[in-house]
Amino acid sequence: MSELFASGRAIDLIILLLLSEGSGLILYHRRTGRGLPPGQFIGFLAAGLFLLLALRAALTDTHWLWIWLALSGALIAHLVDLALRWPRR
């Protein structure tokens, strides 16, 4: 089990699940017109994806610059998501 995390493969599986969930939600909305429109959850999923990439980089002892870039991507995705959800006057 420790090798699964040390190699980053556990995070790869979680990323695959996250991308599958996003794809499923988009397909469901396009086919049925029900559920959340993609614009309401893409930012949220993107922030989570960047955090998972940062975790994977840290677990696999990747250069700190890649970790910083992934964390910066998570921050930007989070701020964009907040801006889109913030109530307007």
N, C-alpha and C. Protein backbone atom coordinates (compact mmCIF):
# COMPACT_ATOMS: atom_id res chain seq x y z
N MET A 1 0.83 -1.19 0.00
CA MET A 1 0.00 0.00 0.00
C MET A 1 0.87 1.25 0.00
N SER A 2 1.97 1.22 0.76
CA SER A 2 2.83 2.42 0.80
C SER A 2 3.45 2.70 -0.57
N GLU A 3 3.73 1.65 -1.33
CA GLU A 3 4.28 1.85 -2.68
C GLU A 3 3.25 2.51 -3.60
N LEU A 4 1.98 2.19 -3.38
CA LEU A 4 0.91 2.79 -4.18
C LEU A 4 0.90 4.30 -4.01
N PHE A 5 1.12 4.78 -2.79
CA PHE A 5 1.14 6.21 -2.54
C PHE A 5 2.50 6.82 -2.90
N ALA A 6 3.58 6.15 -2.56
CA ALA A 6 4.92 6.68 -2.84
C ALA A 6 5.15 6.85 -4.33
N SER A 7 4.57 5.99 -5.14
CA SER A 7 4.76 6.08 -6.59
C SER A 7 3.82 7.11 -7.22
N GLY A 8 2.81 7.55 -6.46
CA GLY A 8 1.85 8.50 -7.00
C GLY A 8 0.68 7.83 -7.70
N ARG A 9 0.68 6.52 -7.79
CA ARG A 9 -0.39 5.81 -8.50
C ARG A 9 -1.75 5.96 -7.81
N ALA A 10 -1.76 6.06 -6.51
CA ALA A 10 -3.03 6.26 -5.80
C ALA A 10 -3.65 7.59 -6.22
N ILE A 11 -2.81 8.61 -6.36
CA ILE A 11 -3.30 9.92 -6.78
C ILE A 11 -3.75 9.87 -8.23
N ASP A 12 -3.03 9.11 -9.05
CA ASP A 12 -3.44 8.94 -10.45
C ASP A 12 -4.85 8.36 -10.54
N LEU A 13 -5.15 7.38 -9.70
CA LEU A 13 -6.48 6.77 -9.69
C LEU A 13 -7.55 7.79 -9.25
N ILE A 14 -7.22 8.60 -8.26
CA ILE A 14 -8.17 9.61 -7.79
C ILE A 14 -8.40 10.66 -8.88
N ILE A 15 -7.33 11.05 -9.56
CA ILE A 15 -7.46 12.01 -10.67
C ILE A 15 -8.35 11.42 -11.77
N LEU A 16 -8.16 10.14 -12.07
CA LEU A 16 -8.98 9.48 -13.08
C LEU A 16 -10.45 9.48 -12.66
N LEU A 17 -10.72 9.23 -11.39
CA LEU A 17 -12.10 9.28 -10.90
C LEU A 17 -12.68 10.70 -10.99
N LEU A 18 -11.87 11.70 -10.66
CA LEU A 18 -12.33 13.09 -10.73
C LEU A 18 -12.67 13.47 -12.16
N LEU A 19 -11.82 13.10 -13.10
CA LEU A 19 -12.07 13.41 -14.51
C LEU A 19 -13.29 12.64 -15.03
N SER A 20 -13.47 11.41 -14.57
CA SER A 20 -14.64 10.62 -14.96
C SER A 20 -15.91 11.26 -14.42
N GLU A 21 -15.85 11.72 -13.18
CA GLU A 21 -17.02 12.38 -12.59
C GLU A 21 -17.39 13.63 -13.37
N GLY A 22 -16.40 14.46 -13.68
CA GLY A 22 -16.66 15.67 -14.45
C GLY A 22 -17.24 15.37 -15.82
N SER A 23 -16.67 14.38 -16.49
CA SER A 23 -17.17 13.99 -17.82
C SER A 23 -18.60 13.46 -17.73
N GLY A 24 -18.86 12.66 -16.71
CA GLY A 24 -20.20 12.12 -16.52
C GLY A 24 -21.23 13.21 -16.27
N LEU A 25 -20.86 14.18 -15.44
CA LEU A 25 -21.78 15.29 -15.16
C LEU A 25 -22.06 16.12 -16.41
N ILE A 26 -21.03 16.35 -17.20
CA ILE A 26 -21.21 17.12 -18.44
C ILE A 26 -22.11 16.36 -19.42
N LEU A 27 -21.84 15.07 -19.60
CA LEU A 27 -22.66 14.26 -20.51
C LEU A 27 -24.11 14.19 -20.04
N TYR A 28 -24.30 14.01 -18.75
CA TYR A 28 -25.65 13.94 -18.21
C TYR A 28 -26.40 15.24 -18.47
N HIS A 29 -25.74 16.36 -18.23
CA HIS A 29 -26.38 17.66 -18.45
C HIS A 29 -26.69 17.88 -19.93
N ARG A 30 -25.78 17.51 -20.80
CA ARG A 30 -26.00 17.71 -22.24
C ARG A 30 -27.13 16.83 -22.78
N ARG A 31 -27.21 15.62 -22.27
CA ARG A 31 -28.23 14.70 -22.78
C ARG A 31 -29.61 14.95 -22.20
N THR A 32 -29.67 15.37 -20.93
CA THR A 32 -30.97 15.50 -20.28
C THR A 32 -31.38 16.94 -20.02
N GLY A 33 -30.41 17.85 -20.00
CA GLY A 33 -30.71 19.23 -19.65
C GLY A 33 -30.88 19.42 -18.15
N ARG A 34 -30.70 18.35 -17.40
CA ARG A 34 -30.85 18.40 -15.95
C ARG A 34 -29.47 18.39 -15.30
N GLY A 35 -29.46 18.62 -14.00
CA GLY A 35 -28.20 18.65 -13.28
C GLY A 35 -27.54 20.01 -13.38
N LEU A 36 -26.34 20.09 -12.88
CA LEU A 36 -25.62 21.36 -12.91
C LEU A 36 -25.03 21.64 -14.28
N PRO A 37 -25.14 22.89 -14.74
CA PRO A 37 -24.42 23.24 -15.96
C PRO A 37 -22.91 23.19 -15.69
N PRO A 38 -22.11 22.82 -16.66
CA PRO A 38 -20.67 22.69 -16.45
C PRO A 38 -20.01 23.94 -15.86
N GLY A 39 -20.49 25.11 -16.22
CA GLY A 39 -19.90 26.34 -15.69
C GLY A 39 -20.00 26.48 -14.19
N GLN A 40 -20.91 25.71 -13.59
CA GLN A 40 -21.08 25.80 -12.14
C GLN A 40 -20.19 24.85 -11.36
N PHE A 41 -19.50 23.92 -12.04
CA PHE A 41 -18.64 23.02 -11.28
C PHE A 41 -17.24 22.83 -11.86
N ILE A 42 -16.99 23.34 -13.04
CA ILE A 42 -15.67 23.17 -13.65
C ILE A 42 -14.57 23.81 -12.80
N GLY A 43 -14.81 25.02 -12.30
CA GLY A 43 -13.81 25.69 -11.47
C GLY A 43 -13.50 24.92 -10.20
N PHE A 44 -14.53 24.36 -9.61
CA PHE A 44 -14.39 23.57 -8.39
C PHE A 44 -13.56 22.31 -8.67
N LEU A 45 -13.88 21.62 -9.76
CA LEU A 45 -13.13 20.42 -10.11
C LEU A 45 -11.69 20.76 -10.52
N ALA A 46 -11.51 21.88 -11.20
CA ALA A 46 -10.16 22.28 -11.61
C ALA A 46 -9.28 22.56 -10.39
N ALA A 47 -9.83 23.25 -9.40
CA ALA A 47 -9.07 23.51 -8.18
C ALA A 47 -8.67 22.20 -7.51
N GLY A 48 -9.61 21.26 -7.43
CA GLY A 48 -9.31 19.95 -6.84
C GLY A 48 -8.26 19.20 -7.64
N LEU A 49 -8.35 19.28 -8.95
CA LEU A 49 -7.37 18.62 -9.81
C LEU A 49 -5.96 19.17 -9.56
N PHE A 50 -5.84 20.49 -9.50
CA PHE A 50 -4.53 21.10 -9.24
C PHE A 50 -3.99 20.71 -7.87
N LEU A 51 -4.86 20.63 -6.87
CA LEU A 51 -4.41 20.20 -5.54
C LEU A 51 -3.92 18.75 -5.57
N LEU A 52 -4.62 17.90 -6.31
CA LEU A 52 -4.18 16.52 -6.44
C LEU A 52 -2.83 16.43 -7.17
N LEU A 53 -2.65 17.27 -8.18
CA LEU A 53 -1.36 17.28 -8.88
C LEU A 53 -0.23 17.75 -7.96
N ALA A 54 -0.52 18.72 -7.11
CA ALA A 54 0.49 19.18 -6.14
C ALA A 54 0.82 18.06 -5.15
N LEU A 55 -0.20 17.36 -4.68
CA LEU A 55 0.03 16.24 -3.76
C LEU A 55 0.85 15.14 -4.43
N ARG A 56 0.51 14.84 -5.67
CA ARG A 56 1.27 13.80 -6.39
C ARG A 56 2.73 14.20 -6.54
N ALA A 57 2.95 15.47 -6.89
CA ALA A 57 4.32 15.95 -7.05
C ALA A 57 5.09 15.87 -5.73
N ALA A 58 4.43 16.22 -4.64
CA ALA A 58 5.10 16.17 -3.33
C ALA A 58 5.40 14.72 -2.93
N LEU A 59 4.48 13.81 -3.18
CA LEU A 59 4.68 12.41 -2.81
C LEU A 59 5.80 11.75 -3.62
N THR A 60 5.97 12.18 -4.85
CA THR A 60 6.98 11.58 -5.72
C THR A 60 8.29 12.35 -5.73
N ASP A 61 8.41 13.29 -4.81
CA ASP A 61 9.66 14.05 -4.63
C ASP A 61 10.05 14.83 -5.89
N THR A 62 9.04 15.44 -6.52
CA THR A 62 9.26 16.25 -7.71
C THR A 62 9.82 17.61 -7.29
N HIS A 63 10.48 18.28 -8.20
CA HIS A 63 11.06 19.60 -7.92
C HIS A 63 10.00 20.54 -7.37
N TRP A 64 10.39 21.36 -6.42
CA TRP A 64 9.44 22.26 -5.74
C TRP A 64 8.71 23.18 -6.70
N LEU A 65 9.31 23.54 -7.82
CA LEU A 65 8.68 24.46 -8.76
C LEU A 65 7.36 23.88 -9.30
N TRP A 66 7.33 22.57 -9.57
CA TRP A 66 6.10 21.94 -10.07
C TRP A 66 5.01 21.96 -9.00
N ILE A 67 5.42 21.77 -7.75
CA ILE A 67 4.45 21.83 -6.65
C ILE A 67 3.88 23.24 -6.55
N TRP A 68 4.77 24.24 -6.63
CA TRP A 68 4.34 25.63 -6.56
C TRP A 68 3.40 25.97 -7.72
N LEU A 69 3.72 25.50 -8.93
CA LEU A 69 2.86 25.78 -10.09
C LEU A 69 1.48 25.14 -9.91
N ALA A 70 1.44 23.91 -9.40
CA ALA A 70 0.16 23.24 -9.19
C ALA A 70 -0.66 23.96 -8.12
N LEU A 71 -0.01 24.38 -7.05
CA LEU A 71 -0.72 25.12 -6.00
C LEU A 71 -1.21 26.47 -6.51
N SER A 72 -0.42 27.12 -7.35
CA SER A 72 -0.84 28.39 -7.95
C SER A 72 -2.04 28.18 -8.86
N GLY A 73 -2.03 27.09 -9.62
CA GLY A 73 -3.17 26.76 -10.47
C GLY A 73 -4.42 26.53 -9.65
N ALA A 74 -4.27 25.86 -8.49
CA ALA A 74 -5.42 25.62 -7.61
C ALA A 74 -5.96 26.94 -7.08
N LEU A 75 -5.08 27.86 -6.71
CA LEU A 75 -5.51 29.16 -6.21
C LEU A 75 -6.26 29.94 -7.29
N ILE A 76 -5.72 29.96 -8.49
CA ILE A 76 -6.36 30.69 -9.59
C ILE A 76 -7.73 30.09 -9.90
N ALA A 77 -7.81 28.75 -9.98
CA ALA A 77 -9.09 28.10 -10.26
C ALA A 77 -10.09 28.39 -9.15
N HIS A 78 -9.63 28.40 -7.92
CA HIS A 78 -10.51 28.69 -6.79
C HIS A 78 -11.03 30.12 -6.85
N LEU A 79 -10.15 31.08 -7.14
CA LEU A 79 -10.56 32.48 -7.21
C LEU A 79 -11.53 32.72 -8.37
N VAL A 80 -11.29 32.08 -9.50
CA VAL A 80 -12.20 32.21 -10.64
C VAL A 80 -13.56 31.62 -10.28
N ASP A 81 -13.55 30.46 -9.62
CA ASP A 81 -14.80 29.83 -9.20
C ASP A 81 -15.57 30.74 -8.24
N LEU A 82 -14.87 31.34 -7.29
CA LEU A 82 -15.51 32.27 -6.35
C LEU A 82 -16.09 33.48 -7.08
N ALA A 83 -15.32 34.03 -8.02
CA ALA A 83 -15.78 35.20 -8.76
C ALA A 83 -17.05 34.89 -9.55
N LEU A 84 -17.10 33.70 -10.13
CA LEU A 84 -18.29 33.32 -10.91
C LEU A 84 -19.50 33.07 -10.02
N ARG A 85 -19.28 32.63 -8.79
CA ARG A 85 -20.39 32.33 -7.88
C ARG A 85 -20.82 33.54 -7.04
N TRP A 86 -19.97 34.55 -6.95
CA TRP A 86 -20.25 35.69 -6.08
C TRP A 86 -21.50 36.43 -6.57
N PRO A 87 -22.44 36.69 -5.67
CA PRO A 87 -23.67 37.38 -6.10
C PRO A 87 -23.37 38.79 -6.62
N ARG A 88 -24.03 39.13 -7.70
CA ARG A 88 -23.86 40.47 -8.26
C ARG A 88 -25.04 41.32 -7.83
N ARG A 89 -24.80 42.62 -7.74
CA ARG A 89 -25.86 43.55 -7.33
C ARG A 89 -26.82 43.81 -8.45
